[in-house]
């Protein structure tokens, strides 16, 4: 009887551990246009290197601070094929400011337009800035809402740890 109970407990423990590994959240696929009108499909870029997706808008002041730091991060890690996807959720009233903002700040990464906020809603977000770090398998390694000085250091630590594990 004890042996059966022990085997049952081991099986339950094994199932629990296996379920925990499956619990990792995959990034939801999307297609958005970039500033040149070209479609970007997330699933076609998974596996090429780490991906950071950052949701922002031209009217969001903390977004500018975060994007300034993302620009530095991009310049440090572009040699490992880091992709930064900066997804603007500006609506039809403010979308004309996106291209001007990108040029003025010389953002080197890809800027995508989500003017109807379909991707923003699909990711079930409730504020900006919000970013995600995605590994080569499309798994979200890190998610963070808001921005304050020092958040970029945490992101870089997560990125470095991810690079070491690949």
N, C-alpha and C. Protein backbone atom coordinates (compact mmCIF):
# COMPACT_ATOMS: atom_id res chain seq x y z
N UNK A 1 0.82 -1.20 0.00
CA UNK A 1 0.00 0.00 0.00
C UNK A 1 0.86 1.26 0.00
N UNK A 2 1.90 1.27 0.83
CA UNK A 2 2.79 2.43 0.89
C UNK A 2 3.53 2.65 -0.42
N UNK A 3 3.89 1.58 -1.07
CA UNK A 3 4.59 1.69 -2.36
C UNK A 3 3.66 2.33 -3.39
N UNK A 4 2.39 1.91 -3.41
CA UNK A 4 1.42 2.49 -4.34
C UNK A 4 1.21 3.98 -4.06
N UNK A 5 1.14 4.32 -2.79
CA UNK A 5 0.97 5.72 -2.41
C UNK A 5 2.19 6.55 -2.82
N UNK A 6 3.37 5.98 -2.60
CA UNK A 6 4.61 6.67 -2.98
C UNK A 6 4.67 6.86 -4.50
N UNK A 7 4.31 5.86 -5.25
CA UNK A 7 4.30 5.96 -6.72
C UNK A 7 3.30 7.02 -7.16
N UNK A 8 2.12 7.02 -6.54
CA UNK A 8 1.09 8.00 -6.87
C UNK A 8 1.60 9.43 -6.59
N UNK A 9 2.25 9.63 -5.46
CA UNK A 9 2.81 10.95 -5.13
C UNK A 9 3.88 11.38 -6.13
N UNK A 10 4.72 10.45 -6.53
CA UNK A 10 5.76 10.76 -7.52
C UNK A 10 5.13 11.15 -8.85
N UNK A 11 4.10 10.44 -9.25
CA UNK A 11 3.40 10.76 -10.50
C UNK A 11 2.77 12.14 -10.42
N UNK A 12 2.11 12.43 -9.31
CA UNK A 12 1.48 13.75 -9.13
C UNK A 12 2.53 14.85 -9.16
N UNK A 13 3.66 14.62 -8.47
CA UNK A 13 4.75 15.60 -8.46
C UNK A 13 5.31 15.80 -9.87
N UNK A 14 5.49 14.72 -10.60
CA UNK A 14 6.00 14.80 -11.97
C UNK A 14 5.05 15.59 -12.86
N UNK A 15 3.75 15.32 -12.75
CA UNK A 15 2.75 16.03 -13.54
C UNK A 15 2.77 17.51 -13.19
N UNK A 16 2.91 17.83 -11.92
CA UNK A 16 2.96 19.23 -11.50
C UNK A 16 4.17 19.96 -12.06
N UNK A 17 5.33 19.31 -12.05
CA UNK A 17 6.54 19.91 -12.60
C UNK A 17 6.40 20.08 -14.11
N UNK A 18 5.89 19.06 -14.78
CA UNK A 18 5.71 19.14 -16.24
C UNK A 18 4.72 20.24 -16.60
N UNK A 19 3.66 20.35 -15.83
CA UNK A 19 2.67 21.40 -16.10
C UNK A 19 3.28 22.77 -15.90
N UNK A 20 4.16 22.91 -14.92
CA UNK A 20 4.82 24.19 -14.67
C UNK A 20 5.70 24.62 -15.82
N UNK A 21 6.32 23.67 -16.48
CA UNK A 21 7.18 24.04 -17.61
C UNK A 21 6.35 24.43 -18.82
N UNK A 22 5.14 23.91 -18.91
CA UNK A 22 4.28 24.25 -20.03
C UNK A 22 3.56 25.59 -19.81
N UNK A 23 3.68 26.11 -18.59
CA UNK A 23 2.96 27.31 -18.20
C UNK A 23 3.56 28.58 -18.79
N UNK A 24 4.72 28.47 -19.42
CA UNK A 24 5.36 29.65 -19.97
C UNK A 24 4.48 30.25 -21.05
N UNK A 25 4.40 31.55 -21.04
CA UNK A 25 3.50 32.24 -21.96
C UNK A 25 4.23 32.57 -23.26
N UNK A 26 3.63 32.14 -24.34
CA UNK A 26 4.18 32.44 -25.66
C UNK A 26 3.67 33.80 -26.13
N UNK A 27 4.51 34.50 -26.86
CA UNK A 27 4.10 35.78 -27.44
C UNK A 27 3.05 35.50 -28.50
N UNK A 28 2.00 36.29 -28.47
CA UNK A 28 0.94 36.13 -29.46
C UNK A 28 1.39 36.73 -30.79
N UNK A 29 1.14 35.98 -31.84
CA UNK A 29 1.54 36.44 -33.17
C UNK A 29 0.71 37.64 -33.59
N UNK A 30 1.31 38.47 -34.43
CA UNK A 30 0.59 39.61 -34.99
C UNK A 30 1.24 40.05 -36.28
N UNK A 31 0.49 40.80 -37.04
CA UNK A 31 0.99 41.45 -38.24
C UNK A 31 0.64 42.93 -38.12
N UNK A 32 1.65 43.78 -38.24
CA UNK A 32 1.45 45.23 -38.21
C UNK A 32 2.28 45.88 -39.30
N UNK A 33 1.86 47.04 -39.73
CA UNK A 33 2.63 47.80 -40.73
C UNK A 33 3.68 48.65 -40.03
N UNK A 34 4.83 48.77 -40.71
CA UNK A 34 5.86 49.67 -40.20
C UNK A 34 5.65 51.06 -40.80
N UNK A 35 6.56 51.97 -40.54
CA UNK A 35 6.40 53.35 -41.00
C UNK A 35 6.44 53.50 -42.52
N UNK A 36 6.97 52.48 -43.19
CA UNK A 36 7.03 52.50 -44.66
C UNK A 36 5.87 51.75 -45.30
N UNK A 37 4.94 51.27 -44.48
CA UNK A 37 3.79 50.55 -45.00
C UNK A 37 4.02 49.07 -45.23
N UNK A 38 5.19 48.57 -44.83
CA UNK A 38 5.52 47.16 -45.03
C UNK A 38 5.03 46.35 -43.82
N UNK A 39 4.46 45.18 -44.09
CA UNK A 39 3.97 44.32 -43.03
C UNK A 39 5.12 43.66 -42.28
N UNK A 40 5.00 43.62 -40.97
CA UNK A 40 5.92 42.89 -40.11
C UNK A 40 5.09 41.81 -39.43
N UNK A 41 5.55 40.56 -39.54
CA UNK A 41 4.85 39.43 -38.94
C UNK A 41 5.77 38.85 -37.86
N UNK A 42 5.32 38.89 -36.64
CA UNK A 42 6.15 38.44 -35.52
C UNK A 42 6.63 37.02 -35.71
N UNK A 43 5.74 36.09 -36.04
CA UNK A 43 6.11 34.67 -36.13
C UNK A 43 7.21 34.41 -37.16
N UNK A 44 7.33 35.26 -38.16
CA UNK A 44 8.38 35.08 -39.17
C UNK A 44 9.75 35.54 -38.66
N UNK A 45 9.78 36.17 -37.50
CA UNK A 45 11.03 36.69 -36.95
C UNK A 45 11.46 36.02 -35.65
N UNK A 46 10.62 35.16 -35.12
CA UNK A 46 10.97 34.39 -33.93
C UNK A 46 12.12 33.45 -34.32
N UNK A 47 13.12 33.36 -33.47
CA UNK A 47 14.25 32.46 -33.71
C UNK A 47 15.45 33.15 -34.31
N UNK A 48 15.30 34.39 -34.73
CA UNK A 48 16.42 35.12 -35.33
C UNK A 48 17.27 35.84 -34.29
N UNK A 49 16.81 35.89 -33.07
CA UNK A 49 17.49 36.58 -31.99
C UNK A 49 16.47 37.06 -30.99
N UNK A 50 16.93 37.63 -29.89
CA UNK A 50 15.98 38.14 -28.89
C UNK A 50 15.12 39.26 -29.48
N UNK A 51 13.90 39.35 -28.99
CA UNK A 51 12.98 40.41 -29.45
C UNK A 51 12.43 41.14 -28.23
N UNK A 52 12.49 42.45 -28.28
CA UNK A 52 11.84 43.28 -27.28
C UNK A 52 10.68 43.97 -27.99
N UNK A 53 9.50 43.83 -27.43
CA UNK A 53 8.34 44.55 -27.95
C UNK A 53 8.00 45.61 -26.91
N UNK A 54 7.95 46.85 -27.36
CA UNK A 54 7.60 47.93 -26.44
C UNK A 54 6.42 48.70 -27.01
N UNK A 55 5.38 48.82 -26.20
CA UNK A 55 4.17 49.56 -26.58
C UNK A 55 4.30 50.97 -26.04
N UNK A 56 3.99 51.96 -26.89
CA UNK A 56 4.17 53.37 -26.53
C UNK A 56 3.21 54.23 -27.32
N UNK A 57 3.24 55.54 -27.04
CA UNK A 57 2.47 56.52 -27.82
C UNK A 57 3.19 57.87 -27.72
N UNK A 58 2.94 58.72 -28.71
CA UNK A 58 3.63 60.02 -28.76
C UNK A 58 3.24 60.93 -27.60
N UNK A 59 2.08 60.72 -26.99
CA UNK A 59 1.61 61.55 -25.89
C UNK A 59 2.06 61.04 -24.52
N UNK A 60 2.83 59.95 -24.49
CA UNK A 60 3.25 59.30 -23.24
C UNK A 60 4.68 59.72 -22.89
N UNK A 61 4.84 60.58 -21.89
CA UNK A 61 6.17 61.08 -21.53
C UNK A 61 7.11 59.98 -21.00
N UNK A 62 6.67 59.07 -20.12
CA UNK A 62 7.57 58.01 -19.69
C UNK A 62 8.03 57.12 -20.85
N UNK A 63 7.23 57.03 -21.90
CA UNK A 63 7.60 56.24 -23.08
C UNK A 63 8.88 56.78 -23.72
N UNK A 64 9.02 58.09 -23.76
CA UNK A 64 10.21 58.70 -24.34
C UNK A 64 11.45 58.34 -23.54
N UNK A 65 11.33 58.34 -22.22
CA UNK A 65 12.47 57.97 -21.37
C UNK A 65 12.85 56.51 -21.62
N UNK A 66 11.86 55.65 -21.69
CA UNK A 66 12.13 54.23 -21.93
C UNK A 66 12.76 54.03 -23.31
N UNK A 67 12.24 54.70 -24.32
CA UNK A 67 12.76 54.51 -25.67
C UNK A 67 14.18 55.04 -25.81
N UNK A 68 14.52 56.07 -25.07
CA UNK A 68 15.90 56.57 -25.05
C UNK A 68 16.84 55.46 -24.56
N UNK A 69 16.41 54.74 -23.54
CA UNK A 69 17.22 53.63 -23.01
C UNK A 69 17.21 52.44 -23.95
N UNK A 70 16.09 52.19 -24.61
CA UNK A 70 16.02 51.09 -25.58
C UNK A 70 16.97 51.35 -26.75
N UNK A 71 17.10 52.60 -27.13
CA UNK A 71 18.03 52.98 -28.20
C UNK A 71 19.46 52.59 -27.81
N UNK A 72 19.84 52.87 -26.59
CA UNK A 72 21.18 52.50 -26.10
C UNK A 72 21.34 50.98 -26.08
N UNK A 73 20.33 50.30 -25.60
CA UNK A 73 20.36 48.84 -25.53
C UNK A 73 20.48 48.24 -26.93
N UNK A 74 19.73 48.79 -27.86
CA UNK A 74 19.78 48.32 -29.25
C UNK A 74 21.20 48.47 -29.81
N UNK A 75 21.82 49.62 -29.56
CA UNK A 75 23.16 49.86 -30.07
C UNK A 75 24.19 48.91 -29.45
N UNK A 76 23.99 48.52 -28.19
CA UNK A 76 24.92 47.59 -27.53
C UNK A 76 24.73 46.15 -27.98
N UNK A 77 23.51 45.76 -28.34
CA UNK A 77 23.22 44.35 -28.61
C UNK A 77 22.78 44.05 -30.04
N UNK A 78 22.91 44.98 -30.93
CA UNK A 78 22.49 44.71 -32.32
C UNK A 78 23.36 43.62 -32.96
N UNK A 79 24.58 43.42 -32.44
CA UNK A 79 25.47 42.40 -32.99
C UNK A 79 24.97 40.98 -32.71
N UNK A 80 24.02 40.81 -31.79
CA UNK A 80 23.44 39.48 -31.54
C UNK A 80 22.05 39.39 -32.14
N UNK A 81 21.77 40.25 -33.08
CA UNK A 81 20.48 40.26 -33.78
C UNK A 81 19.30 40.60 -32.88
N UNK A 82 19.54 41.46 -31.90
CA UNK A 82 18.44 41.94 -31.07
C UNK A 82 17.50 42.75 -31.94
N UNK A 83 16.23 42.41 -31.86
CA UNK A 83 15.19 43.20 -32.54
C UNK A 83 14.40 43.94 -31.48
N UNK A 84 14.20 45.21 -31.70
CA UNK A 84 13.30 45.97 -30.85
C UNK A 84 12.16 46.42 -31.73
N UNK A 85 10.96 46.04 -31.33
CA UNK A 85 9.75 46.42 -32.04
C UNK A 85 9.04 47.44 -31.17
N UNK A 86 9.00 48.64 -31.64
CA UNK A 86 8.37 49.72 -30.91
C UNK A 86 6.98 49.93 -31.51
N UNK A 87 5.97 49.48 -30.78
CA UNK A 87 4.60 49.46 -31.29
C UNK A 87 3.85 50.70 -30.80
N UNK A 88 3.58 51.60 -31.72
CA UNK A 88 2.85 52.82 -31.39
C UNK A 88 1.36 52.53 -31.35
N UNK A 89 0.71 52.95 -30.26
CA UNK A 89 -0.74 52.78 -30.16
C UNK A 89 -1.46 54.11 -30.41
N UNK A 90 -0.75 55.06 -31.04
CA UNK A 90 -1.38 56.34 -31.38
C UNK A 90 -2.58 56.09 -32.28
N UNK A 91 -3.66 56.81 -32.02
CA UNK A 91 -4.87 56.66 -32.82
C UNK A 91 -4.84 57.60 -34.03
N UNK A 92 -5.91 57.67 -34.77
CA UNK A 92 -5.94 58.47 -36.00
C UNK A 92 -5.68 59.95 -35.74
N UNK A 93 -5.96 60.43 -34.53
CA UNK A 93 -5.74 61.84 -34.21
C UNK A 93 -4.26 62.18 -34.01
N UNK A 94 -3.47 61.21 -33.53
CA UNK A 94 -2.06 61.50 -33.21
C UNK A 94 -1.06 60.68 -34.02
N UNK A 95 -1.53 59.79 -34.86
CA UNK A 95 -0.62 58.91 -35.60
C UNK A 95 0.35 59.67 -36.51
N UNK A 96 -0.05 60.85 -36.97
CA UNK A 96 0.82 61.64 -37.84
C UNK A 96 2.09 62.09 -37.11
N UNK A 97 2.07 62.08 -35.80
CA UNK A 97 3.23 62.50 -35.00
C UNK A 97 4.28 61.40 -34.85
N UNK A 98 3.91 60.18 -35.15
CA UNK A 98 4.81 59.05 -34.92
C UNK A 98 6.07 59.16 -35.77
N UNK A 99 5.90 59.33 -37.07
CA UNK A 99 7.05 59.39 -37.97
C UNK A 99 7.96 60.57 -37.61
N UNK A 100 7.37 61.70 -37.28
CA UNK A 100 8.14 62.89 -36.89
C UNK A 100 8.96 62.60 -35.63
N UNK A 101 8.33 61.95 -34.66
CA UNK A 101 8.99 61.60 -33.40
C UNK A 101 10.14 60.64 -33.63
N UNK A 102 9.92 59.64 -34.45
CA UNK A 102 10.95 58.63 -34.73
C UNK A 102 12.16 59.28 -35.41
N UNK A 103 11.89 60.12 -36.39
CA UNK A 103 13.00 60.81 -37.09
C UNK A 103 13.75 61.75 -36.15
N UNK A 104 13.01 62.53 -35.37
CA UNK A 104 13.63 63.51 -34.47
C UNK A 104 14.53 62.84 -33.43
N UNK A 105 14.12 61.66 -32.97
CA UNK A 105 14.88 60.96 -31.94
C UNK A 105 15.83 59.91 -32.50
N UNK A 106 15.81 59.76 -33.82
CA UNK A 106 16.70 58.82 -34.52
C UNK A 106 16.65 57.42 -33.92
N UNK A 107 15.44 56.92 -33.70
CA UNK A 107 15.29 55.56 -33.18
C UNK A 107 15.75 54.58 -34.26
N UNK A 108 16.71 53.71 -33.93
CA UNK A 108 17.27 52.79 -34.93
C UNK A 108 16.47 51.50 -35.10
N UNK A 109 15.48 51.30 -34.26
CA UNK A 109 14.74 50.05 -34.29
C UNK A 109 13.44 50.20 -35.09
N UNK A 110 12.80 49.06 -35.30
CA UNK A 110 11.58 49.01 -36.11
C UNK A 110 10.40 49.58 -35.32
N UNK A 111 9.68 50.50 -35.96
CA UNK A 111 8.49 51.10 -35.35
C UNK A 111 7.28 50.59 -36.13
N UNK A 112 6.32 50.06 -35.38
CA UNK A 112 5.11 49.49 -35.96
C UNK A 112 3.90 50.28 -35.50
N UNK A 113 2.87 50.29 -36.34
CA UNK A 113 1.68 51.09 -36.06
C UNK A 113 0.49 50.20 -35.70
N UNK A 114 -0.07 50.45 -34.53
CA UNK A 114 -1.24 49.72 -34.04
C UNK A 114 -2.33 50.73 -33.71
N UNK A 115 -2.74 51.50 -34.72
CA UNK A 115 -3.65 52.63 -34.51
C UNK A 115 -5.03 52.23 -34.02
N UNK A 116 -5.46 51.01 -34.31
CA UNK A 116 -6.75 50.55 -33.78
C UNK A 116 -6.57 49.76 -32.48
N UNK A 117 -5.33 49.66 -32.04
CA UNK A 117 -4.94 49.01 -30.78
C UNK A 117 -5.35 47.54 -30.71
N UNK A 118 -5.38 46.87 -31.85
CA UNK A 118 -5.78 45.46 -31.86
C UNK A 118 -4.73 44.57 -31.18
N UNK A 119 -3.47 44.83 -31.44
CA UNK A 119 -2.41 44.03 -30.81
C UNK A 119 -2.32 44.37 -29.32
N UNK A 120 -2.41 45.64 -29.01
CA UNK A 120 -2.42 46.10 -27.62
C UNK A 120 -3.53 45.38 -26.83
N UNK A 121 -4.70 45.30 -27.41
CA UNK A 121 -5.83 44.63 -26.75
C UNK A 121 -5.61 43.11 -26.70
N UNK A 122 -5.05 42.55 -27.77
CA UNK A 122 -4.80 41.11 -27.81
C UNK A 122 -3.80 40.69 -26.73
N UNK A 123 -2.86 41.57 -26.41
CA UNK A 123 -1.90 41.31 -25.34
C UNK A 123 -2.48 41.66 -23.97
N UNK A 124 -3.73 42.11 -23.95
CA UNK A 124 -4.49 42.43 -22.74
C UNK A 124 -3.76 43.44 -21.85
N UNK A 125 -3.31 44.53 -22.49
CA UNK A 125 -2.58 45.56 -21.76
C UNK A 125 -3.53 46.63 -21.24
N UNK A 126 -3.06 47.33 -20.22
CA UNK A 126 -3.90 48.36 -19.62
C UNK A 126 -3.12 49.64 -19.33
N UNK A 127 -2.01 49.82 -19.98
CA UNK A 127 -1.22 51.03 -19.77
C UNK A 127 0.06 50.96 -20.56
N UNK A 128 0.67 52.12 -20.73
CA UNK A 128 1.95 52.21 -21.43
C UNK A 128 2.88 53.10 -20.64
N UNK A 129 4.16 52.97 -20.84
CA UNK A 129 4.81 51.97 -21.68
C UNK A 129 4.68 50.57 -21.07
N UNK A 130 4.73 49.60 -21.95
CA UNK A 130 4.72 48.20 -21.54
C UNK A 130 5.64 47.45 -22.48
N UNK A 131 6.55 46.64 -21.92
CA UNK A 131 7.46 45.91 -22.80
C UNK A 131 7.52 44.45 -22.46
N UNK A 132 7.94 43.68 -23.46
CA UNK A 132 8.11 42.24 -23.34
C UNK A 132 9.46 41.86 -23.92
N UNK A 133 10.14 40.92 -23.26
CA UNK A 133 11.36 40.32 -23.78
C UNK A 133 11.01 38.90 -24.18
N UNK A 134 11.28 38.56 -25.44
CA UNK A 134 10.88 37.27 -26.00
C UNK A 134 12.12 36.50 -26.45
N UNK A 135 12.19 35.22 -26.09
CA UNK A 135 13.35 34.41 -26.45
C UNK A 135 13.21 33.83 -27.86
N UNK A 136 14.20 33.03 -28.26
CA UNK A 136 14.23 32.48 -29.62
C UNK A 136 13.11 31.49 -29.90
N UNK A 137 12.43 31.02 -28.84
CA UNK A 137 11.32 30.09 -29.01
C UNK A 137 9.96 30.80 -28.98
N UNK A 138 9.99 32.11 -28.85
CA UNK A 138 8.75 32.87 -28.81
C UNK A 138 8.12 32.94 -27.43
N UNK A 139 8.89 32.57 -26.41
CA UNK A 139 8.39 32.59 -25.03
C UNK A 139 8.70 33.95 -24.40
N UNK A 140 7.72 34.50 -23.71
CA UNK A 140 7.92 35.77 -23.02
C UNK A 140 8.72 35.49 -21.75
N UNK A 141 9.92 36.04 -21.70
CA UNK A 141 10.84 35.86 -20.58
C UNK A 141 10.60 36.92 -19.51
N UNK A 142 10.21 38.11 -19.96
CA UNK A 142 10.08 39.23 -19.04
C UNK A 142 9.01 40.18 -19.57
N UNK A 143 8.20 40.71 -18.67
CA UNK A 143 7.18 41.68 -19.01
C UNK A 143 7.21 42.78 -17.97
N UNK A 144 7.08 44.03 -18.41
CA UNK A 144 7.13 45.14 -17.46
C UNK A 144 6.24 46.28 -17.92
N UNK A 145 5.44 46.80 -17.00
CA UNK A 145 4.56 47.93 -17.27
C UNK A 145 5.11 49.16 -16.59
N UNK A 146 5.09 50.29 -17.31
CA UNK A 146 5.57 51.55 -16.76
C UNK A 146 7.06 51.72 -17.01
N UNK A 147 7.58 52.86 -16.60
CA UNK A 147 9.02 53.09 -16.70
C UNK A 147 9.47 54.07 -15.63
N UNK A 148 10.55 53.68 -14.98
CA UNK A 148 11.27 54.58 -14.09
C UNK A 148 12.75 54.28 -14.25
N UNK A 149 13.57 55.27 -13.99
CA UNK A 149 15.02 55.12 -14.14
C UNK A 149 15.48 53.87 -13.41
N UNK A 150 16.26 53.07 -14.06
CA UNK A 150 16.76 51.82 -13.49
C UNK A 150 16.06 50.59 -14.06
N UNK A 151 14.86 50.77 -14.61
CA UNK A 151 14.15 49.63 -15.21
C UNK A 151 14.97 49.02 -16.36
N UNK A 152 15.71 49.87 -17.06
CA UNK A 152 16.50 49.38 -18.19
C UNK A 152 17.60 48.42 -17.73
N UNK A 153 18.09 48.59 -16.51
CA UNK A 153 19.13 47.70 -15.98
C UNK A 153 18.56 46.31 -15.73
N UNK A 154 17.34 46.25 -15.23
CA UNK A 154 16.67 44.96 -15.01
C UNK A 154 16.46 44.27 -16.35
N UNK A 155 15.99 45.02 -17.34
CA UNK A 155 15.78 44.46 -18.68
C UNK A 155 17.09 43.92 -19.24
N UNK A 156 18.17 44.67 -19.09
CA UNK A 156 19.46 44.23 -19.62
C UNK A 156 19.94 42.97 -18.90
N UNK A 157 19.72 42.88 -17.59
CA UNK A 157 20.09 41.67 -16.84
C UNK A 157 19.33 40.46 -17.37
N UNK A 158 18.03 40.64 -17.63
CA UNK A 158 17.21 39.56 -18.17
C UNK A 158 17.69 39.16 -19.56
N UNK A 159 18.04 40.15 -20.37
CA UNK A 159 18.55 39.90 -21.71
C UNK A 159 19.87 39.13 -21.65
N UNK A 160 20.78 39.55 -20.79
CA UNK A 160 22.06 38.87 -20.66
C UNK A 160 21.89 37.42 -20.18
N UNK A 161 21.00 37.22 -19.21
CA UNK A 161 20.74 35.87 -18.72
C UNK A 161 20.18 34.99 -19.83
N UNK A 162 19.30 35.55 -20.63
CA UNK A 162 18.71 34.81 -21.73
C UNK A 162 19.78 34.44 -22.76
N UNK A 163 20.68 35.37 -23.06
CA UNK A 163 21.75 35.11 -24.02
C UNK A 163 22.67 33.99 -23.52
N UNK A 164 22.99 34.01 -22.22
CA UNK A 164 23.87 32.97 -21.64
C UNK A 164 23.23 31.60 -21.71
N UNK A 165 21.91 31.53 -21.59
CA UNK A 165 21.21 30.24 -21.58
C UNK A 165 20.94 29.68 -22.97
N UNK A 166 21.22 30.45 -24.01
CA UNK A 166 20.92 29.97 -25.36
C UNK A 166 22.10 29.26 -25.97
